[in-house]
Amino acid sequence: MAEVHFPRRIAFLFYLLLFLGGIIFYISWGLAYSSWNLLDHRWVGVYAVVIMLVGFGLVGMLLYKE
């Protein structure tokens, strides 16, 4: 079976979007709720989302950089 060539640039851009999405989500949450402390126990869910987006974005960009 033939393997499909998947461009590294597309994967890198996807992970860049994840990273930027995490940053934008953090900034928009902070502006909407006037709370920049995501470590507060009330915002644990938001903290988890931001960490996942930024973390996967960084790791993916490191793996797919040229």
C-alpha atoms as a PDB file:
ATOM      1  CA  MET A   1       0.000   0.000   0.000  1.00  0.00           C
ATOM      2  CA  ALA A   2       1.354   3.413  -0.942  1.00  0.00           C
ATOM      3  CA  GLU A   3       1.931   5.993   1.760  1.00  0.00           C
ATOM      4  CA  VAL A   4       0.379   9.412   1.403  1.00  0.00           C
ATOM      5  CA  HIS A   5       2.795  12.329   1.589  1.00  0.00           C
ATOM      6  CA  PHE A   6       1.567  14.791   4.226  1.00  0.00           C
ATOM      7  CA  PRO A   7       3.282  18.174   4.055  1.00  0.00           C
ATOM      8  CA  ARG A   8       4.996  19.173   7.277  1.00  0.00           C
ATOM      9  CA  ARG A   9       4.011  22.784   6.706  1.00  0.00           C
ATOM     10  CA  ILE A  10       0.285  21.984   7.016  1.00  0.00           C
ATOM     11  CA  ALA A  11       0.864  20.129  10.297  1.00  0.00           C
ATOM     12  CA  PHE A  12       3.008  22.998  11.592  1.00  0.00           C
ATOM     13  CA  LEU A  13       0.276  25.519  10.730  1.00  0.00           C
ATOM     14  CA  PHE A  14      -2.328  23.390  12.511  1.00  0.00           C
ATOM     15  CA  TYR A  15      -0.245  23.342  15.696  1.00  0.00           C
ATOM     16  CA  LEU A  16       0.436  27.054  15.348  1.00  0.00           C
ATOM     17  CA  LEU A  17      -3.342  27.601  15.241  1.00  0.00           C
ATOM     18  CA  LEU A  18      -3.722  25.514  18.402  1.00  0.00           C
ATOM     19  CA  PHE A  19      -1.084  27.603  20.155  1.00  0.00           C
ATOM     20  CA  LEU A  20      -2.569  30.915  19.034  1.00  0.00           C
ATOM     21  CA  GLY A  21      -6.059  29.659  19.903  1.00  0.00           C
ATOM     22  CA  GLY A  22      -4.931  28.996  23.464  1.00  0.00           C
ATOM     23  CA  ILE A  23      -3.421  32.461  23.795  1.00  0.00           C
ATOM     24  CA  ILE A  24      -6.491  34.141  22.273  1.00  0.00           C
ATOM     25  CA  PHE A  25      -8.780  32.085  24.510  1.00  0.00           C
ATOM     26  CA  TYR A  26      -6.821  33.170  27.598  1.00  0.00           C
ATOM     27  CA  ILE A  27      -6.906  36.835  26.611  1.00  0.00           C
ATOM     28  CA  SER A  28     -10.606  36.779  25.700  1.00  0.00           C
ATOM     29  CA  TRP A  29     -11.486  34.988  28.950  1.00  0.00           C
ATOM     30  CA  GLY A  30      -9.501  37.518  30.957  1.00  0.00           C
ATOM     31  CA  LEU A  31     -11.194  40.433  29.219  1.00  0.00           C
ATOM     32  CA  ALA A  32     -14.687  38.957  29.518  1.00  0.00           C
ATOM     33  CA  TYR A  33     -14.482  37.981  33.193  1.00  0.00           C
ATOM     34  CA  SER A  34     -11.824  40.419  34.444  1.00  0.00           C
ATOM     35  CA  SER A  35      -9.904  37.515  35.932  1.00  0.00           C
ATOM     36  CA  TRP A  36      -6.330  36.909  34.821  1.00  0.00           C
ATOM     37  CA  ASN A  37      -5.638  34.344  37.563  1.00  0.00           C
ATOM     38  CA  LEU A  38      -6.493  30.994  36.006  1.00  0.00           C
ATOM     39  CA  LEU A  39      -5.075  29.174  39.023  1.00  0.00           C
ATOM     40  CA  ASP A  40      -8.086  30.250  41.094  1.00  0.00           C
ATOM     41  CA  HIS A  41     -10.220  27.197  41.925  1.00  0.00           C
ATOM     42  CA  ARG A  42     -13.230  28.696  40.120  1.00  0.00           C
ATOM     43  CA  TRP A  43     -11.402  28.723  36.767  1.00  0.00           C
ATOM     44  CA  VAL A  44      -9.864  25.231  36.769  1.00  0.00           C
ATOM     45  CA  GLY A  45     -11.708  24.240  33.578  1.00  0.00           C
ATOM     46  CA  VAL A  46     -10.461  27.287  31.719  1.00  0.00           C
ATOM     47  CA  TYR A  47      -6.934  26.626  32.953  1.00  0.00           C
ATOM     48  CA  ALA A  48      -7.156  23.060  31.629  1.00  0.00           C
ATOM     49  CA  VAL A  49      -8.311  24.196  28.191  1.00  0.00           C
ATOM     50  CA  VAL A  50      -5.586  26.839  27.902  1.00  0.00           C
ATOM     51  CA  ILE A  51      -2.848  24.420  28.997  1.00  0.00           C
ATOM     52  CA  MET A  52      -4.010  21.746  26.538  1.00  0.00           C
ATOM     53  CA  LEU A  53      -4.191  24.132  23.580  1.00  0.00           C
ATOM     54  CA  VAL A  54      -0.883  25.860  24.289  1.00  0.00           C
ATOM     55  CA  GLY A  55       0.875  22.624  25.287  1.00  0.00           C
ATOM     56  CA  PHE A  56      -0.170  20.611  22.244  1.00  0.00           C
ATOM     57  CA  GLY A  57       0.537  23.611  20.043  1.00  0.00           C
ATOM     58  CA  LEU A  58       4.090  24.007  21.345  1.00  0.00           C
ATOM     59  CA  VAL A  59       4.905  20.311  21.207  1.00  0.00           C
ATOM     60  CA  GLY A  60       3.474  19.998  17.696  1.00  0.00           C
ATOM     61  CA  MET A  61       5.393  23.023  16.443  1.00  0.00           C
ATOM     62  CA  LEU A  62       8.612  21.610  17.894  1.00  0.00           C
ATOM     63  CA  LEU A  63       7.997  18.243  16.219  1.00  0.00           C
ATOM     64  CA  TYR A  64       7.091  19.653  12.811  1.00  0.00           C
ATOM     65  CA  LYS A  65       9.492  22.559  12.489  1.00  0.00           C
ATOM     66  CA  GLU A  66      11.675  22.476   9.420  1.00  0.00           C
END
